[in-house]
Amino acid sequence: MTILSAPRAIAPEMPPDRVVPPSGFTAHLTVLVAAAMAFLAVFALALGAAAGRLAERWDAELARTATLRISAPEGQRDAQTEAALRLLRTTPGVADARAMPVDEAQALLEPWFGPDLPVAALPIPQLIEITTTDAGFDPIGLRARLQAEVPGAVLDDHTRWRAPLIAAAGRLRFFGGLAIALITVSTGAMVTLAAQAALAANGRVIRVLRQVGASDRYIARAFVRRFTLRGLLGAAAGTGAGLVAVLFLPGGESTGGLLAGLGFQGAEWLVALFIPLFAALVAWGATRAAALRALRTLS
């Protein structure tokens, strides 16, 4: 009894992670998984951030603009254009309206048909760019007035373009969040498997610790602390590598503004710094649950 009673007093005072021998492949597996998942999480967050900016940009650009297209014979086009401009300038909700010059129309078509498109020789309708106020205008009433006064005019208030684009950006943000959820579940599953393997490999050590008076909670803390630190270090390395890789992604300038700048901007970079802490929390919860469950099965 004297030999067993002393370890009961000493064992709880020892650092928990020192009572368990270091595991081999489970240590490398945990660090590798945490690093890989953190690397992927950085890109998932970058996708969500870019999608959010894209949705805001599209919404802002399309919400306060509209286009009037005038398709009329050559001799009537100028007269109908002037009539449409007069009508628009007296329409409530219209802040500005201007006829688009030929060179601007060519610039709009250049990405699709190339720079050598002979715009002047093609039957391209006259475009009028409309800028609205915050309140906007009544598209139904404006179409009725245009039909009566400018029969060759067709109003496009960008509604049919705006809704699908905003929905597409919303789906991108959703899939970014879904990717984060899947990464979290995968990380927890892999850490759980690694913890179970480590517990099984140290079955004899666990039995000896129980004989000298160590509680299951004390033994579980040893595994939890070790795997949490591994998850934190691995995730920190993966996050750092991911942030460096994000710096080399193309920006809005190199893609013509289409992608609105992939990656992070401003304070969004700080969000990625929480990935290692979140990975450590996942590793802590997964290891604790696996350790307590495994210790209950060990006799």
Protein backbone atom coordinates (compact mmCIF):
# COMPACT_ATOMS: atom_id res chain seq x y z
CA MET A 1 0.00 0.00 0.00
CA THR A 2 2.86 2.38 0.69
CA ILE A 3 4.33 1.88 -2.80
CA LEU A 4 1.00 2.64 -4.49
CA SER A 5 -0.01 5.56 -2.30
CA ALA A 6 3.03 7.67 -3.16
CA PRO A 7 2.38 7.74 -6.91
CA ARG A 8 -1.20 8.77 -6.19
CA ALA A 9 0.15 11.94 -4.66
CA ILE A 10 2.88 12.45 -7.24
CA ALA A 11 1.14 11.57 -10.54
CA PRO A 12 -1.34 14.47 -10.58
CA GLU A 13 1.53 16.92 -10.00
CA MET A 14 3.40 15.83 -13.13
CA PRO A 15 2.73 17.65 -16.41
CA PRO A 16 0.06 15.55 -18.14
CA ASP A 17 1.79 15.42 -21.53
CA ARG A 18 4.93 13.88 -19.97
CA VAL A 19 3.25 10.76 -18.69
CA VAL A 20 2.48 9.49 -22.21
CA PRO A 21 5.36 8.47 -24.53
CA PRO A 22 5.45 10.43 -27.80
CA SER A 23 3.65 8.66 -30.63
CA GLY A 24 5.23 8.17 -34.03
CA PHE A 25 3.06 8.46 -37.12
CA THR A 26 0.12 10.03 -35.28
CA ALA A 27 2.19 13.13 -34.52
CA HIS A 28 3.15 13.62 -38.16
CA LEU A 29 -0.38 12.79 -39.33
CA THR A 30 -1.98 15.37 -37.06
CA VAL A 31 0.42 18.12 -38.04
CA LEU A 32 0.09 17.32 -41.75
CA VAL A 33 -3.71 17.18 -41.68
CA ALA A 34 -3.97 20.42 -39.71
CA ALA A 35 -1.60 22.18 -42.11
CA ALA A 36 -3.39 20.92 -45.24
CA MET A 37 -6.84 21.78 -43.93
CA ALA A 38 -5.76 25.23 -42.79
CA PHE A 39 -4.26 25.86 -46.23
CA LEU A 40 -7.58 24.95 -47.86
CA ALA A 41 -9.51 27.00 -45.31
CA VAL A 42 -7.56 30.12 -46.29
CA PHE A 43 -8.69 29.73 -49.90
CA ALA A 44 -12.27 29.01 -48.84
CA LEU A 45 -12.32 32.23 -46.82
CA ALA A 46 -10.76 34.10 -49.75
CA LEU A 47 -13.49 32.75 -52.03
CA GLY A 48 -16.20 33.91 -49.62
CA ALA A 49 -14.63 37.35 -49.23
CA ALA A 50 -14.26 37.81 -52.99
CA ALA A 51 -17.83 36.65 -53.56
CA GLY A 52 -19.11 39.16 -51.04
CA ARG A 53 -17.26 42.02 -52.69
CA LEU A 54 -18.40 40.84 -56.10
CA ALA A 55 -22.04 40.84 -55.00
CA GLU A 56 -21.74 44.33 -53.52
CA ARG A 57 -20.02 45.68 -56.65
CA TRP A 58 -22.57 44.19 -59.03
CA ASP A 59 -25.45 45.38 -56.89
CA ALA A 60 -24.06 48.91 -56.67
CA GLU A 61 -23.29 49.14 -60.39
CA LEU A 62 -26.56 47.71 -61.66
CA ALA A 63 -28.95 49.14 -59.07
CA ARG A 64 -28.52 52.79 -60.15
CA THR A 65 -28.11 52.35 -63.89
CA ALA A 66 -30.31 51.51 -66.85
CA THR A 67 -29.91 51.45 -70.62
CA LEU A 68 -32.18 52.71 -73.36
CA ARG A 69 -31.69 51.14 -76.78
CA ILE A 70 -33.02 52.97 -79.84
CA SER A 71 -33.44 50.89 -82.98
CA ALA A 72 -34.71 53.15 -85.74
CA PRO A 73 -33.94 53.86 -89.39
CA GLU A 74 -30.85 55.98 -90.02
CA GLY A 75 -32.86 59.10 -90.82
CA GLN A 76 -34.97 58.87 -87.67
CA ARG A 77 -32.36 57.76 -85.13
CA ASP A 78 -31.06 61.23 -84.22
CA ALA A 79 -34.57 62.64 -83.81
CA GLN A 80 -35.69 59.74 -81.63
CA THR A 81 -32.50 60.02 -79.58
CA GLU A 82 -33.18 63.70 -78.85
CA ALA A 83 -36.81 62.94 -78.02
CA ALA A 84 -35.77 60.16 -75.65
CA LEU A 85 -33.24 62.38 -73.89
CA ARG A 86 -35.85 65.12 -73.38
CA LEU A 87 -38.30 62.59 -72.00
CA LEU A 88 -35.72 61.07 -69.64
CA ARG A 89 -34.63 64.43 -68.28
CA THR A 90 -38.19 65.12 -67.16
CA THR A 91 -38.72 61.67 -65.65
CA PRO A 92 -38.75 61.54 -61.83
CA GLY A 93 -36.00 59.31 -60.50
CA VAL A 94 -33.62 59.84 -63.44
CA ALA A 95 -30.50 61.70 -62.34
CA ASP A 96 -28.74 61.81 -65.70
CA ALA A 97 -29.11 60.51 -69.25
CA ARG A 98 -26.60 60.71 -72.08
CA ALA A 99 -26.22 59.23 -75.54
CA MET A 100 -23.28 56.87 -75.75
CA PRO A 101 -20.72 57.83 -78.44
CA VAL A 102 -19.60 55.35 -81.08
CA ASP A 103 -16.15 54.86 -79.51
CA GLU A 104 -17.70 53.84 -76.17
CA ALA A 105 -19.98 51.36 -77.94
CA GLN A 106 -16.95 49.93 -79.68
CA ALA A 107 -15.14 49.63 -76.35
CA LEU A 108 -18.09 47.64 -74.95
CA LEU A 109 -18.03 45.26 -77.91
CA GLU A 110 -14.25 44.97 -78.13
CA PRO A 111 -13.87 42.18 -75.52
CA TRP A 112 -16.30 40.07 -77.54
CA PHE A 113 -15.42 40.86 -81.16
CA GLY A 114 -11.89 42.29 -81.02
CA PRO A 115 -10.49 45.80 -81.53
CA ASP A 116 -10.92 45.84 -85.33
CA LEU A 117 -14.71 45.68 -85.31
CA PRO A 118 -16.10 48.29 -87.79
CA VAL A 119 -18.81 49.62 -85.51
CA ALA A 120 -19.78 52.42 -87.88
CA ALA A 121 -20.56 49.94 -90.66
CA LEU A 122 -22.77 47.74 -88.48
CA PRO A 123 -26.46 48.35 -87.68
CA ILE A 124 -25.79 48.88 -83.98
CA PRO A 125 -28.59 50.71 -82.13
CA GLN A 126 -28.01 53.97 -80.34
CA LEU A 127 -27.48 53.43 -76.62
CA ILE A 128 -28.48 55.92 -73.93
CA GLU A 129 -26.93 55.47 -70.50
CA ILE A 130 -29.32 56.29 -67.64
CA THR A 131 -28.22 57.04 -64.09
CA THR A 132 -30.97 56.93 -61.49
CA THR A 133 -31.38 58.54 -58.10
CA ASP A 134 -31.51 56.56 -54.87
CA ALA A 135 -35.29 56.38 -55.14
CA GLY A 136 -35.17 55.14 -58.76
CA PHE A 137 -37.81 55.53 -61.44
CA ASP A 138 -41.00 53.71 -62.37
CA PRO A 139 -40.00 51.35 -65.22
CA ILE A 140 -43.59 50.50 -66.15
CA GLY A 141 -44.63 54.15 -66.47
CA LEU A 142 -41.43 55.05 -68.35
CA ARG A 143 -41.94 52.22 -70.84
CA ALA A 144 -45.47 53.43 -71.49
CA ARG A 145 -44.28 56.99 -72.20
CA LEU A 146 -41.48 55.74 -74.43
CA GLN A 147 -43.85 53.56 -76.41
CA ALA A 148 -46.03 56.59 -77.10
CA GLU A 149 -43.31 59.14 -77.85
CA VAL A 150 -40.27 57.12 -78.96
CA PRO A 151 -41.54 53.92 -80.60
CA GLY A 152 -38.05 52.70 -81.48
CA ALA A 153 -36.80 52.77 -77.84
CA VAL A 154 -36.40 49.69 -75.62
CA LEU A 155 -35.73 50.18 -71.89
CA ASP A 156 -33.46 47.77 -70.03
CA ASP A 157 -33.47 48.45 -66.28
CA HIS A 158 -30.93 45.63 -65.68
CA THR A 159 -33.35 43.69 -63.48
CA ARG A 160 -32.97 40.47 -65.45
CA TRP A 161 -29.17 40.81 -65.27
CA ARG A 162 -28.93 41.93 -61.69
CA ALA A 163 -30.85 39.12 -59.98
CA PRO A 164 -28.90 36.18 -61.52
CA LEU A 165 -25.55 37.86 -60.88
CA ILE A 166 -26.37 38.56 -57.25
CA ALA A 167 -27.68 35.01 -56.87
CA ALA A 168 -24.48 33.61 -58.40
CA ALA A 169 -22.33 35.62 -55.99
CA GLY A 170 -24.51 34.41 -53.11
CA ARG A 171 -23.98 30.81 -54.20
CA LEU A 172 -20.22 31.35 -54.27
CA ARG A 173 -20.36 32.65 -50.72
CA PHE A 174 -22.51 29.68 -49.68
CA PHE A 175 -20.08 27.17 -51.20
CA GLY A 176 -17.22 28.93 -49.45
CA GLY A 177 -19.01 28.45 -46.12
CA LEU A 178 -19.82 24.85 -47.02
CA ALA A 179 -16.14 24.24 -47.76
CA ILE A 180 -15.22 25.59 -44.32
CA ALA A 181 -17.76 23.24 -42.71
CA LEU A 182 -16.43 20.23 -44.62
CA ILE A 183 -12.86 21.14 -43.73
CA THR A 184 -13.83 21.36 -40.07
CA VAL A 185 -15.55 17.97 -40.11
CA SER A 186 -12.65 16.36 -41.97
CA THR A 187 -10.11 17.81 -39.55
CA GLY A 188 -12.09 16.57 -36.56
CA ALA A 189 -12.41 13.10 -38.09
CA MET A 190 -8.70 12.79 -38.88
CA VAL A 191 -7.64 14.04 -35.45
CA THR A 192 -10.07 11.59 -33.86
CA LEU A 193 -8.53 8.69 -35.79
CA ALA A 194 -5.02 9.79 -34.85
CA ALA A 195 -5.98 10.13 -31.19
CA GLN A 196 -7.60 6.69 -31.17
CA ALA A 197 -4.47 5.18 -32.72
CA ALA A 198 -2.29 6.86 -30.09
CA LEU A 199 -4.54 5.64 -27.29
CA ALA A 200 -4.48 2.09 -28.63
CA ALA A 201 -0.69 2.16 -28.97
CA ASN A 202 -0.31 3.32 -25.35
CA GLY A 203 -2.77 0.88 -23.83
CA ARG A 204 -0.18 -0.61 -21.47
CA VAL A 205 0.98 2.82 -20.34
CA ILE A 206 -2.61 3.76 -19.58
CA ARG A 207 -3.13 0.64 -17.45
CA VAL A 208 0.04 1.37 -15.47
CA LEU A 209 -1.04 4.96 -14.90
CA ARG A 210 -4.37 3.74 -13.58
CA GLN A 211 -2.64 1.36 -11.21
CA VAL A 212 -0.57 4.17 -9.71
CA GLY A 213 -3.66 6.30 -9.18
CA ALA A 214 -3.97 8.50 -12.28
CA SER A 215 -7.59 9.27 -13.17
CA ASP A 216 -9.02 8.91 -16.67
CA ARG A 217 -9.51 12.66 -16.84
CA TYR A 218 -5.84 13.21 -16.02
CA ILE A 219 -4.76 10.69 -18.69
CA ALA A 220 -7.13 12.25 -21.25
CA ARG A 221 -5.59 15.68 -20.61
CA ALA A 222 -2.21 14.30 -21.60
CA PHE A 223 -3.48 13.28 -25.03
CA VAL A 224 -5.68 16.35 -25.45
CA ARG A 225 -2.84 18.77 -24.73
CA ARG A 226 -0.44 17.01 -27.07
CA PHE A 227 -2.86 16.79 -30.02
CA THR A 228 -4.11 20.34 -29.48
CA LEU A 229 -0.58 21.70 -29.72
CA ARG A 230 0.05 19.63 -32.84
CA GLY A 231 -3.12 20.92 -34.42
CA LEU A 232 -2.21 24.51 -33.54
CA LEU A 233 1.32 24.25 -34.96
CA GLY A 234 0.19 22.47 -38.12
CA ALA A 235 -2.64 24.92 -38.74
CA ALA A 236 -0.33 27.88 -38.16
CA ALA A 237 2.08 26.55 -40.79
CA GLY A 238 -0.75 25.84 -43.26
CA THR A 239 -2.32 29.26 -42.70
CA GLY A 240 0.99 31.00 -43.28
CA ALA A 241 1.54 29.08 -46.51
CA GLY A 242 -2.02 29.82 -47.62
CA LEU A 243 -1.68 33.56 -46.99
CA VAL A 244 1.55 33.65 -48.99
CA ALA A 245 -0.19 31.81 -51.84
CA VAL A 246 -3.13 34.25 -51.74
CA LEU A 247 -0.72 37.12 -52.33
CA PHE A 248 0.08 35.64 -55.75
CA LEU A 249 -3.54 35.36 -56.86
CA PRO A 250 -4.58 37.66 -59.74
CA GLY A 251 -6.16 40.94 -58.73
CA GLY A 252 -9.02 42.88 -60.27
CA GLU A 253 -6.62 44.87 -62.48
CA SER A 254 -5.15 41.80 -64.21
CA THR A 255 -8.56 40.25 -64.80
CA GLY A 256 -10.28 43.37 -66.06
CA GLY A 257 -12.15 43.79 -62.79
CA LEU A 258 -14.18 40.64 -63.45
CA LEU A 259 -13.09 38.85 -60.29
CA ALA A 260 -13.07 42.01 -58.13
CA GLY A 261 -9.69 40.96 -56.68
CA LEU A 262 -9.38 37.42 -55.39
CA GLY A 263 -8.10 37.12 -51.86
CA PHE A 264 -8.41 39.39 -48.85
CA GLN A 265 -8.61 43.15 -48.51
CA GLY A 266 -8.12 45.31 -45.45
CA ALA A 267 -9.30 43.76 -42.19
CA GLU A 268 -10.21 40.52 -43.98
CA TRP A 269 -6.59 39.42 -43.56
CA LEU A 270 -7.14 39.32 -39.79
CA VAL A 271 -9.95 36.77 -40.15
CA ALA A 272 -7.51 34.19 -41.55
CA LEU A 273 -5.35 34.55 -38.43
CA PHE A 274 -8.10 32.87 -36.39
CA ILE A 275 -7.79 29.64 -38.42
CA PRO A 276 -5.00 28.16 -36.19
CA LEU A 277 -7.00 28.91 -33.05
CA PHE A 278 -10.11 27.35 -34.57
CA ALA A 279 -8.11 24.29 -35.67
CA ALA A 280 -6.72 23.93 -32.15
CA LEU A 281 -10.25 24.12 -30.74
CA VAL A 282 -11.41 21.40 -33.16
CA ALA A 283 -8.41 19.23 -32.23
CA TRP A 284 -9.12 19.76 -28.53
CA GLY A 285 -12.78 18.74 -28.84
CA ALA A 286 -12.11 15.76 -31.12
CA THR A 287 -9.23 14.43 -28.98
CA ARG A 288 -11.10 14.90 -25.70
CA ALA A 289 -14.16 13.05 -26.97
CA ALA A 290 -12.03 10.24 -28.45
CA ALA A 291 -9.88 9.93 -25.33
CA LEU A 292 -12.77 9.75 -22.87
CA ARG A 293 -14.62 7.28 -25.08
CA ALA A 294 -11.54 5.07 -25.52
CA LEU A 295 -10.66 5.14 -21.82
CA ARG A 296 -14.13 3.88 -20.94
CA THR A 297 -13.57 0.82 -23.15
CA LEU A 298 -10.09 0.04 -21.80
CA SER A 299 -10.16 -2.28 -18.86
